[in-house]
Amino acid sequence: MPEEDLHKRMEEVTEDRGKVYGDLLSTFAATGKALTALLEAHYEIKLPHDIPPHVAGQVMVIIKALRASKNYDYNEDSYIDEMNFARLSMQLDPRRPKQP
């Protein structure tokens, strides 16, 4: 797929998924809170803060990469989702230099 078409497809998928699941930022934030609660309960500890949205997004990238690596039929959407999750995680990372 040409790069221009790939970027267009990524935007389309983000928009389509947003209509069904809500925006990715809210999903990443909710996932971070859920992961925090799970880890705290499992290890009987108190984390200093919730897992941030960009880290939750990185976890979702790992899940998509694992799914794509299995011997299922090829599914382009898994790769598109993975790239979209990585892109938003990068944008949300507070260590990222500010863009002008």
PDB file of N, CA and C in Angstrom:
ATOM      1  N   MET A   1       0.853  -1.173   0.000  1.00  0.00           N
ATOM      2  CA  MET A   1       0.000   0.000   0.000  1.00  0.00           C
ATOM      3  C   MET A   1       0.894   1.230   0.000  1.00  0.00           C
ATOM      4  N   PRO A   2       0.677   2.156  -0.908  1.00  0.00           N
ATOM      5  CA  PRO A   2       1.476   3.387  -0.914  1.00  0.00           C
ATOM      6  C   PRO A   2       1.298   4.152   0.409  1.00  0.00           C
ATOM      7  N   GLU A   3       2.352   4.858   0.816  1.00  0.00           N
ATOM      8  CA  GLU A   3       2.329   5.532   2.112  1.00  0.00           C
ATOM      9  C   GLU A   3       1.161   6.503   2.246  1.00  0.00           C
ATOM     10  N   GLU A   4       0.867   7.236   1.193  1.00  0.00           N
ATOM     11  CA  GLU A   4      -0.252   8.182   1.240  1.00  0.00           C
ATOM     12  C   GLU A   4      -1.568   7.451   1.520  1.00  0.00           C
ATOM     13  N   ASP A   5      -1.756   6.306   0.879  1.00  0.00           N
ATOM     14  CA  ASP A   5      -2.964   5.506   1.107  1.00  0.00           C
ATOM     15  C   ASP A   5      -2.983   4.947   2.522  1.00  0.00           C
ATOM     16  N   LEU A   6      -1.805   4.578   3.030  1.00  0.00           N
ATOM     17  CA  LEU A   6      -1.715   4.050   4.388  1.00  0.00           C
ATOM     18  C   LEU A   6      -2.154   5.097   5.400  1.00  0.00           C
ATOM     19  N   HIS A   7      -1.671   6.316   5.264  1.00  0.00           N
ATOM     20  CA  HIS A   7      -2.057   7.384   6.196  1.00  0.00           C
ATOM     21  C   HIS A   7      -3.554   7.657   6.113  1.00  0.00           C
ATOM     22  N   LYS A   8      -4.086   7.649   4.920  1.00  0.00           N
ATOM     23  CA  LYS A   8      -5.531   7.848   4.751  1.00  0.00           C
ATOM     24  C   LYS A   8      -6.298   6.714   5.429  1.00  0.00           C
ATOM     25  N   ARG A   9      -5.837   5.490   5.240  1.00  0.00           N
ATOM     26  CA  ARG A   9      -6.500   4.326   5.859  1.00  0.00           C
ATOM     27  C   ARG A   9      -6.410   4.398   7.379  1.00  0.00           C
ATOM     28  N   MET A  10      -5.269   4.833   7.901  1.00  0.00           N
ATOM     29  CA  MET A  10      -5.117   4.975   9.351  1.00  0.00           C
ATOM     30  C   MET A  10      -6.128   5.973   9.894  1.00  0.00           C
ATOM     31  N   GLU A  11      -6.306   7.089   9.208  1.00  0.00           N
ATOM     32  CA  GLU A  11      -7.274   8.099   9.638  1.00  0.00           C
ATOM     33  C   GLU A  11      -8.699   7.555   9.576  1.00  0.00           C
ATOM     34  N   GLU A  12      -9.014   6.831   8.504  1.00  0.00           N
ATOM     35  CA  GLU A  12     -10.351   6.253   8.365  1.00  0.00           C
ATOM     36  C   GLU A  12     -10.651   5.268   9.494  1.00  0.00           C
ATOM     37  N   VAL A  13      -9.674   4.412   9.793  1.00  0.00           N
ATOM     38  CA  VAL A  13      -9.866   3.421  10.850  1.00  0.00           C
ATOM     39  C   VAL A  13     -10.038   4.111  12.198  1.00  0.00           C
ATOM     40  N   THR A  14      -9.227   5.133  12.461  1.00  0.00           N
ATOM     41  CA  THR A  14      -9.346   5.880  13.717  1.00  0.00           C
ATOM     42  C   THR A  14     -10.747   6.479  13.847  1.00  0.00           C
ATOM     43  N   GLU A  15     -11.231   7.067  12.771  1.00  0.00           N
ATOM     44  CA  GLU A  15     -12.561   7.666  12.790  1.00  0.00           C
ATOM     45  C   GLU A  15     -13.649   6.603  12.984  1.00  0.00           C
ATOM     46  N   ASP A  16     -13.542   5.520  12.231  1.00  0.00           N
ATOM     47  CA  ASP A  16     -14.539   4.446  12.345  1.00  0.00           C
ATOM     48  C   ASP A  16     -14.539   3.824  13.735  1.00  0.00           C
ATOM     49  N   ARG A  17     -13.352   3.533  14.264  1.00  0.00           N
ATOM     50  CA  ARG A  17     -13.270   2.929  15.598  1.00  0.00           C
ATOM     51  C   ARG A  17     -13.781   3.904  16.662  1.00  0.00           C
ATOM     52  N   GLY A  18     -13.500   5.187  16.458  1.00  0.00           N
ATOM     53  CA  GLY A  18     -13.963   6.190  17.405  1.00  0.00           C
ATOM     54  C   GLY A  18     -15.479   6.230  17.516  1.00  0.00           C
ATOM     55  N   LYS A  19     -16.167   6.003  16.410  1.00  0.00           N
ATOM     56  CA  LYS A  19     -17.634   5.981  16.428  1.00  0.00           C
ATOM     57  C   LYS A  19     -18.164   4.804  17.237  1.00  0.00           C
ATOM     58  N   VAL A  20     -17.413   3.717  17.246  1.00  0.00           N
ATOM     59  CA  VAL A  20     -17.853   2.508  17.945  1.00  0.00           C
ATOM     60  C   VAL A  20     -17.356   2.487  19.390  1.00  0.00           C
ATOM     61  N   TYR A  21     -16.070   2.785  19.593  1.00  0.00           N
ATOM     62  CA  TYR A  21     -15.436   2.607  20.897  1.00  0.00           C
ATOM     63  C   TYR A  21     -15.138   3.895  21.644  1.00  0.00           C
ATOM     64  N   GLY A  22     -15.329   5.038  21.018  1.00  0.00           N
ATOM     65  CA  GLY A  22     -14.937   6.299  21.626  1.00  0.00           C
ATOM     66  C   GLY A  22     -13.518   6.646  21.212  1.00  0.00           C
ATOM     67  N   ASP A  23     -13.085   7.829  21.586  1.00  0.00           N
ATOM     68  CA  ASP A  23     -11.764   8.285  21.140  1.00  0.00           C
ATOM     69  C   ASP A  23     -10.655   7.522  21.853  1.00  0.00           C
ATOM     70  N   LEU A  24      -9.514   7.419  21.187  1.00  0.00           N
ATOM     71  CA  LEU A  24      -8.393   6.641  21.713  1.00  0.00           C
ATOM     72  C   LEU A  24      -7.833   7.217  23.008  1.00  0.00           C
ATOM     73  N   LEU A  25      -7.805   8.526  23.149  1.00  0.00           N
ATOM     74  CA  LEU A  25      -7.268   9.113  24.374  1.00  0.00           C
ATOM     75  C   LEU A  25      -8.078   8.644  25.580  1.00  0.00           C
ATOM     76  N   SER A  26      -9.407   8.662  25.471  1.00  0.00           N
ATOM     77  CA  SER A  26     -10.248   8.186  26.576  1.00  0.00           C
ATOM     78  C   SER A  26     -10.019   6.701  26.832  1.00  0.00           C
ATOM     79  N   THR A  27      -9.855   5.942  25.758  1.00  0.00           N
ATOM     80  CA  THR A  27      -9.602   4.511  25.898  1.00  0.00           C
ATOM     81  C   THR A  27      -8.274   4.269  26.589  1.00  0.00           C
ATOM     82  N   PHE A  28      -7.235   4.992  26.185  1.00  0.00           N
ATOM     83  CA  PHE A  28      -5.921   4.828  26.807  1.00  0.00           C
ATOM     84  C   PHE A  28      -5.983   5.224  28.289  1.00  0.00           C
ATOM     85  N   ALA A  29      -6.663   6.314  28.608  1.00  0.00           N
ATOM     86  CA  ALA A  29      -6.769   6.757  29.997  1.00  0.00           C
ATOM     87  C   ALA A  29      -7.509   5.719  30.843  1.00  0.00           C
ATOM     88  N   ALA A  30      -8.618   5.204  30.322  1.00  0.00           N
ATOM     89  CA  ALA A  30      -9.394   4.191  31.052  1.00  0.00           C
ATOM     90  C   ALA A  30      -8.583   2.899  31.207  1.00  0.00           C
ATOM     91  N   THR A  31      -7.857   2.527  30.172  1.00  0.00           N
ATOM     92  CA  THR A  31      -7.019   1.328  30.238  1.00  0.00           C
ATOM     93  C   THR A  31      -5.926   1.499  31.282  1.00  0.00           C
ATOM     94  N   GLY A  32      -5.325   2.681  31.340  1.00  0.00           N
ATOM     95  CA  GLY A  32      -4.304   2.954  32.350  1.00  0.00           C
ATOM     96  C   GLY A  32      -4.850   2.827  33.761  1.00  0.00           C
ATOM     97  N   LYS A  33      -6.044   3.354  33.985  1.00  0.00           N
ATOM     98  CA  LYS A  33      -6.678   3.247  35.307  1.00  0.00           C
ATOM     99  C   LYS A  33      -6.988   1.787  35.642  1.00  0.00           C
ATOM    100  N   ALA A  34      -7.489   1.047  34.657  1.00  0.00           N
ATOM    101  CA  ALA A  34      -7.816  -0.364  34.886  1.00  0.00           C
ATOM    102  C   ALA A  34      -6.550  -1.187  35.165  1.00  0.00           C
ATOM    103  N   LEU A  35      -5.487  -0.939  34.403  1.00  0.00           N
ATOM    104  CA  LEU A  35      -4.231  -1.649  34.643  1.00  0.00           C
ATOM    105  C   LEU A  35      -3.671  -1.318  36.023  1.00  0.00           C
ATOM    106  N   THR A  36      -3.796  -0.072  36.418  1.00  0.00           N
ATOM    107  CA  THR A  36      -3.338   0.330  37.747  1.00  0.00           C
ATOM    108  C   THR A  36      -4.088  -0.441  38.818  1.00  0.00           C
ATOM    109  N   ALA A  37      -5.405  -0.478  38.710  1.00  0.00           N
ATOM    110  CA  ALA A  37      -6.223  -1.188  39.698  1.00  0.00           C
ATOM    111  C   ALA A  37      -5.889  -2.680  39.725  1.00  0.00           C
ATOM    112  N   LEU A  38      -5.689  -3.255  38.557  1.00  0.00           N
ATOM    113  CA  LEU A  38      -5.353  -4.678  38.469  1.00  0.00           C
ATOM    114  C   LEU A  38      -4.016  -4.968  39.147  1.00  0.00           C
ATOM    115  N   LEU A  39      -2.995  -4.190  38.827  1.00  0.00           N
ATOM    116  CA  LEU A  39      -1.673  -4.407  39.415  1.00  0.00           C
ATOM    117  C   LEU A  39      -1.678  -4.170  40.920  1.00  0.00           C
ATOM    118  N   GLU A  40      -2.370  -3.132  41.354  1.00  0.00           N
ATOM    119  CA  GLU A  40      -2.434  -2.848  42.789  1.00  0.00           C
ATOM    120  C   GLU A  40      -3.121  -3.984  43.544  1.00  0.00           C
ATOM    121  N   ALA A  41      -4.213  -4.493  42.983  1.00  0.00           N
ATOM    122  CA  ALA A  41      -4.925  -5.586  43.638  1.00  0.00           C
ATOM    123  C   ALA A  41      -4.098  -6.874  43.626  1.00  0.00           C
ATOM    124  N   HIS A  42      -3.490  -7.156  42.498  1.00  0.00           N
ATOM    125  CA  HIS A  42      -2.730  -8.401  42.370  1.00  0.00           C
ATOM    126  C   HIS A  42      -1.515  -8.425  43.307  1.00  0.00           C
ATOM    127  N   TYR A  43      -0.782  -7.321  43.330  1.00  0.00           N
ATOM    128  CA  TYR A  43       0.434  -7.272  44.132  1.00  0.00           C
ATOM    129  C   TYR A  43       0.218  -6.692  45.526  1.00  0.00           C
ATOM    130  N   GLU A  44      -1.022  -6.287  45.826  1.00  0.00           N
ATOM    131  CA  GLU A  44      -1.356  -5.677  47.116  1.00  0.00           C
ATOM    132  C   GLU A  44      -0.404  -4.527  47.437  1.00  0.00           C
ATOM    133  N   ILE A  45      -0.311  -3.626  46.458  1.00  0.00           N
ATOM    134  CA  ILE A  45       0.543  -2.444  46.585  1.00  0.00           C
ATOM    135  C   ILE A  45      -0.265  -1.219  46.177  1.00  0.00           C
ATOM    136  N   LYS A  46       0.308  -0.065  46.423  1.00  0.00           N
ATOM    137  CA  LYS A  46      -0.275   1.189  45.949  1.00  0.00           C
ATOM    138  C   LYS A  46       0.757   1.842  45.029  1.00  0.00           C
ATOM    139  N   LEU A  47       0.405   1.962  43.745  1.00  0.00           N
ATOM    140  CA  LEU A  47       1.300   2.636  42.806  1.00  0.00           C
ATOM    141  C   LEU A  47       1.254   4.142  43.071  1.00  0.00           C
ATOM    142  N   PRO A  48       2.335   4.859  42.772  1.00  0.00           N
ATOM    143  CA  PRO A  48       2.376   6.299  43.062  1.00  0.00           C
ATOM    144  C   PRO A  48       1.399   7.112  42.226  1.00  0.00           C
ATOM    145  N   HIS A  49       0.987   6.562  41.082  1.00  0.00           N
ATOM    146  CA  HIS A  49       0.012   7.243  40.223  1.00  0.00           C
ATOM    147  C   HIS A  49      -0.528   6.225  39.235  1.00  0.00           C
ATOM    148  N   ASP A  50      -1.611   6.599  38.580  1.00  0.00           N
ATOM    149  CA  ASP A  50      -2.166   5.719  37.551  1.00  0.00           C
ATOM    150  C   ASP A  50      -1.175   5.539  36.413  1.00  0.00           C
ATOM    151  N   ILE A  51      -1.247   4.394  35.770  1.00  0.00           N
ATOM    152  CA  ILE A  51      -0.441   4.177  34.570  1.00  0.00           C
ATOM    153  C   ILE A  51      -0.896   5.207  33.548  1.00  0.00           C
ATOM    154  N   PRO A  52       0.023   5.998  33.000  1.00  0.00           N
ATOM    155  CA  PRO A  52      -0.378   7.076  32.105  1.00  0.00           C
ATOM    156  C   PRO A  52      -0.904   6.552  30.761  1.00  0.00           C
ATOM    157  N   PRO A  53      -1.724   7.367  30.104  1.00  0.00           N
ATOM    158  CA  PRO A  53      -2.325   6.950  28.834  1.00  0.00           C
ATOM    159  C   PRO A  53      -1.312   6.487  27.789  1.00  0.00           C
ATOM    160  N   HIS A  54      -0.152   7.151  27.691  1.00  0.00           N
ATOM    161  CA  HIS A  54       0.798   6.735  26.653  1.00  0.00           C
ATOM    162  C   HIS A  54       1.371   5.350  26.932  1.00  0.00           C
ATOM    163  N   VAL A  55       1.505   4.983  28.198  1.00  0.00           N
ATOM    164  CA  VAL A  55       1.994   3.642  28.543  1.00  0.00           C
ATOM    165  C   VAL A  55       0.901   2.605  28.297  1.00  0.00           C
ATOM    166  N   ALA A  56      -0.334   2.949  28.627  1.00  0.00           N
ATOM    167  CA  ALA A  56      -1.452   2.049  28.319  1.00  0.00           C
ATOM    168  C   ALA A  56      -1.527   1.803  26.810  1.00  0.00           C
ATOM    169  N   GLY A  57      -1.283   2.841  26.025  1.00  0.00           N
ATOM    170  CA  GLY A  57      -1.263   2.693  24.572  1.00  0.00           C
ATOM    171  C   GLY A  57      -0.162   1.759  24.118  1.00  0.00           C
ATOM    172  N   GLN A  58       0.984   1.822  24.787  1.00  0.00           N
ATOM    173  CA  GLN A  58       2.085   0.926  24.442  1.00  0.00           C
ATOM    174  C   GLN A  58       1.713  -0.527  24.736  1.00  0.00           C
ATOM    175  N   VAL A  59       0.963  -0.745  25.804  1.00  0.00           N
ATOM    176  CA  VAL A  59       0.481  -2.095  26.114  1.00  0.00           C
ATOM    177  C   VAL A  59      -0.448  -2.570  24.993  1.00  0.00           C
ATOM    178  N   MET A  60      -1.299  -1.677  24.515  1.00  0.00           N
ATOM    179  CA  MET A  60      -2.208  -2.044  23.435  1.00  0.00           C
ATOM    180  C   MET A  60      -1.448  -2.340  22.142  1.00  0.00           C
ATOM    181  N   VAL A  61      -0.350  -1.633  21.903  1.00  0.00           N
ATOM    182  CA  VAL A  61       0.505  -1.934  20.750  1.00  0.00           C
ATOM    183  C   VAL A  61       1.043  -3.359  20.868  1.00  0.00           C
ATOM    184  N   ILE A  62       1.490  -3.730  22.059  1.00  0.00           N
ATOM    185  CA  ILE A  62       2.017  -5.081  22.273  1.00  0.00           C
ATOM    186  C   ILE A  62       0.944  -6.125  21.981  1.00  0.00           C
ATOM    187  N   ILE A  63      -0.264  -5.883  22.455  1.00  0.00           N
ATOM    188  CA  ILE A  63      -1.358  -6.828  22.218  1.00  0.00           C
ATOM    189  C   ILE A  63      -1.622  -6.981  20.721  1.00  0.00           C
ATOM    190  N   LYS A  64      -1.672  -5.872  20.005  1.00  0.00           N
ATOM    191  CA  LYS A  64      -1.908  -5.936  18.553  1.00  0.00           C
ATOM    192  C   LYS A  64      -0.753  -6.632  17.839  1.00  0.00           C
ATOM    193  N   ALA A  65       0.480  -6.376  18.264  1.00  0.00           N
ATOM    194  CA  ALA A  65       1.636  -7.024  17.637  1.00  0.00           C
ATOM    195  C   ALA A  65       1.586  -8.530  17.862  1.00  0.00           C
ATOM    196  N   LEU A  66       1.215  -8.941  19.055  1.00  0.00           N
ATOM    197  CA  LEU A  66       1.098 -10.375  19.331  1.00  0.00           C
ATOM    198  C   LEU A  66       0.005 -11.004  18.478  1.00  0.00           C
ATOM    199  N   ARG A  67      -1.097 -10.316  18.353  1.00  0.00           N
ATOM    200  CA  ARG A  67      -2.191 -10.841  17.531  1.00  0.00           C
ATOM    201  C   ARG A  67      -1.746 -10.982  16.077  1.00  0.00           C
ATOM    202  N   ALA A  68      -1.049  -9.979  15.568  1.00  0.00           N
ATOM    203  CA  ALA A  68      -0.598 -10.015  14.171  1.00  0.00           C
ATOM    204  C   ALA A  68       0.447 -11.105  13.944  1.00  0.00           C
ATOM    205  N   SER A  69       1.175 -11.476  15.002  1.00  0.00           N
ATOM    206  CA  SER A  69       2.243 -12.470  14.851  1.00  0.00           C
ATOM    207  C   SER A  69       1.732 -13.907  14.883  1.00  0.00           C
ATOM    208  N   LYS A  70       0.502 -14.097  15.290  1.00  0.00           N
ATOM    209  CA  LYS A  70      -0.063 -15.445  15.355  1.00  0.00           C
ATOM    210  C   LYS A  70      -0.356 -15.964  13.960  1.00  0.00           C
ATOM    211  N   ASN A  71      -0.663 -17.193  13.879  1.00  0.00           N
ATOM    212  CA  ASN A  71      -0.906 -17.833  12.591  1.00  0.00           C
ATOM    213  C   ASN A  71      -2.349 -17.682  12.111  1.00  0.00           C
ATOM    214  N   TYR A  72      -2.961 -16.581  12.437  1.00  0.00           N
ATOM    215  CA  TYR A  72      -4.296 -16.311  11.927  1.00  0.00           C
ATOM    216  C   TYR A  72      -4.172 -15.846  10.485  1.00  0.00           C
ATOM    217  N   ASP A  73      -5.305 -15.748   9.828  1.00  0.00           N
ATOM    218  CA  ASP A  73      -5.288 -15.159   8.492  1.00  0.00           C
ATOM    219  C   ASP A  73      -4.794 -13.720   8.601  1.00  0.00           C
ATOM    220  N   TYR A  74      -4.140 -13.246   7.550  1.00  0.00           N
ATOM    221  CA  TYR A  74      -3.645 -11.866   7.504  1.00  0.00           C
ATOM    222  C   TYR A  74      -4.804 -10.902   7.716  1.00  0.00           C
ATOM    223  N   ASN A  75      -4.606  -9.947   8.596  1.00  0.00           N
ATOM    224  CA  ASN A  75      -5.630  -8.937   8.858  1.00  0.00           C
ATOM    225  C   ASN A  75      -4.951  -7.574   8.907  1.00  0.00           C
ATOM    226  N   GLU A  76      -5.116  -6.819   7.845  1.00  0.00           N
ATOM    227  CA  GLU A  76      -4.488  -5.502   7.749  1.00  0.00           C
ATOM    228  C   GLU A  76      -4.902  -4.591   8.895  1.00  0.00           C
ATOM    229  N   ASP A  77      -6.140  -4.701   9.348  1.00  0.00           N
ATOM    230  CA  ASP A  77      -6.624  -3.829  10.411  1.00  0.00           C
ATOM    231  C   ASP A  77      -5.812  -3.972  11.697  1.00  0.00           C
ATOM    232  N   SER A  78      -5.298  -5.159  11.981  1.00  0.00           N
ATOM    233  CA  SER A  78      -4.472  -5.320  13.180  1.00  0.00           C
ATOM    234  C   SER A  78      -3.225  -4.443  13.091  1.00  0.00           C
ATOM    235  N   TYR A  79      -2.614  -4.396  11.922  1.00  0.00           N
ATOM    236  CA  TYR A  79      -1.441  -3.547  11.723  1.00  0.00           C
ATOM    237  C   TYR A  79      -1.815  -2.065  11.763  1.00  0.00           C
ATOM    238  N   ILE A  80      -2.939  -1.724  11.165  1.00  0.00           N
ATOM    239  CA  ILE A  80      -3.403  -0.323  11.177  1.00  0.00           C
ATOM    240  C   ILE A  80      -3.654   0.115  12.616  1.00  0.00           C
ATOM    241  N   ASP A  81      -4.348  -0.718  13.395  1.00  0.00           N
ATOM    242  CA  ASP A  81      -4.601  -0.388  14.800  1.00  0.00           C
ATOM    243  C   ASP A  81      -3.284  -0.228  15.556  1.00  0.00           C
ATOM    244  N   GLU A  82      -2.358  -1.145  15.317  1.00  0.00           N
ATOM    245  CA  GLU A  82      -1.059  -1.081  15.995  1.00  0.00           C
ATOM    246  C   GLU A  82      -0.355   0.245  15.698  1.00  0.00           C
ATOM    247  N   MET A  83      -0.355   0.652  14.440  1.00  0.00           N
ATOM    248  CA  MET A  83       0.295   1.917  14.064  1.00  0.00           C
ATOM    249  C   MET A  83      -0.432   3.111  14.680  1.00  0.00           C
ATOM    250  N   ASN A  84      -1.755   3.068  14.695  1.00  0.00           N
ATOM    251  CA  ASN A  84      -2.508   4.165  15.299  1.00  0.00           C
ATOM    252  C   ASN A  84      -2.250   4.249  16.802  1.00  0.00           C
ATOM    253  N   PHE A  85      -2.208   3.102  17.476  1.00  0.00           N
ATOM    254  CA  PHE A  85      -1.927   3.102  18.911  1.00  0.00           C
ATOM    255  C   PHE A  85      -0.529   3.647  19.181  1.00  0.00           C
ATOM    256  N   ALA A  86       0.440   3.241  18.376  1.00  0.00           N
ATOM    257  CA  ALA A  86       1.815   3.723  18.556  1.00  0.00           C
ATOM    258  C   ALA A  86       1.905   5.220  18.301  1.00  0.00           C
ATOM    259  N   ARG A  87       1.225   5.682  17.273  1.00  0.00           N
ATOM    260  CA  ARG A  87       1.258   7.112  16.939  1.00  0.00           C
ATOM    261  C   ARG A  87       0.701   7.958  18.083  1.00  0.00           C
ATOM    262  N   LEU A  88      -0.450   7.564  18.629  1.00  0.00           N
ATOM    263  CA  LEU A  88      -1.028   8.346  19.716  1.00  0.00           C
ATOM    264  C   LEU A  88      -0.180   8.229  20.983  1.00  0.00           C
ATOM    265  N   SER A  89       0.362   7.055  21.248  1.00  0.00           N
ATOM    266  CA  SER A  89       1.241   6.906  22.412  1.00  0.00           C
ATOM    267  C   SER A  89       2.423   7.860  22.318  1.00  0.00           C
ATOM    268  N   MET A  90       3.011   7.948  21.131  1.00  0.00           N
ATOM    269  CA  MET A  90       4.127   8.860  20.906  1.00  0.00           C
ATOM    270  C   MET A  90       3.688  10.307  21.153  1.00  0.00           C
ATOM    271  N   GLN A  91       2.530  10.679  20.640  1.00  0.00           N
ATOM    272  CA  GLN A  91       2.047  12.051  20.794  1.00  0.00           C
ATOM    273  C   GLN A  91       1.755  12.393  22.249  1.00  0.00           C
ATOM    274  N   LEU A  92       1.325  11.408  23.042  1.00  0.00           N
ATOM    275  CA  LEU A  92       0.971  11.640  24.444  1.00  0.00           C
ATOM    276  C   LEU A  92       2.157  11.570  25.397  1.00  0.00           C
ATOM    277  N   ASP A  93       3.262  11.018  24.947  1.00  0.00           N
ATOM    278  CA  ASP A  93       4.417  10.826  25.827  1.00  0.00           C
ATOM    279  C   ASP A  93       4.926  12.184  26.304  1.00  0.00           C
ATOM    280  N   PRO A  94       4.895  12.424  27.611  1.00  0.00           N
ATOM    281  CA  PRO A  94       5.331  13.740  28.118  1.00  0.00           C
ATOM    282  C   PRO A  94       6.815  14.020  27.902  1.00  0.00           C
ATOM    283  N   ARG A  95       7.598  12.995  27.589  1.00  0.00           N
ATOM    284  CA  ARG A  95       9.028  13.202  27.330  1.00  0.00           C
ATOM    285  C   ARG A  95       9.274  13.708  25.913  1.00  0.00           C
ATOM    286  N   ARG A  96       8.254  13.650  25.082  1.00  0.00           N
ATOM    287  CA  ARG A  96       8.406  14.076  23.678  1.00  0.00           C
ATOM    288  C   ARG A  96       8.641  15.589  23.635  1.00  0.00           C
ATOM    289  N   PRO A  97       9.622  16.014  22.864  1.00  0.00           N
ATOM    290  CA  PRO A  97       9.845  17.462  22.731  1.00  0.00           C
ATOM    291  C   PRO A  97       8.594  18.150  22.173  1.00  0.00           C
ATOM    292  N   LYS A  98       8.337  19.318  22.689  1.00  0.00           N
ATOM    293  CA  LYS A  98       7.172  20.089  22.225  1.00  0.00           C
ATOM    294  C   LYS A  98       7.350  20.486  20.769  1.00  0.00           C
ATOM    295  N   GLN A  99       6.270  20.334  20.023  1.00  0.00           N
ATOM    296  CA  GLN A  99       6.293  20.686  18.600  1.00  0.00           C
ATOM    297  C   GLN A  99       5.850  22.143  18.444  1.00  0.00           C
ATOM    298  N   PRO A 100       6.514  22.876  17.556  1.00  0.00           N
ATOM    299  CA  PRO A 100       6.133  24.295  17.369  1.00  0.00           C
ATOM    300  C   PRO A 100       4.765  24.424  16.711  1.00  0.00           C
TER     301      PRO A 100
END
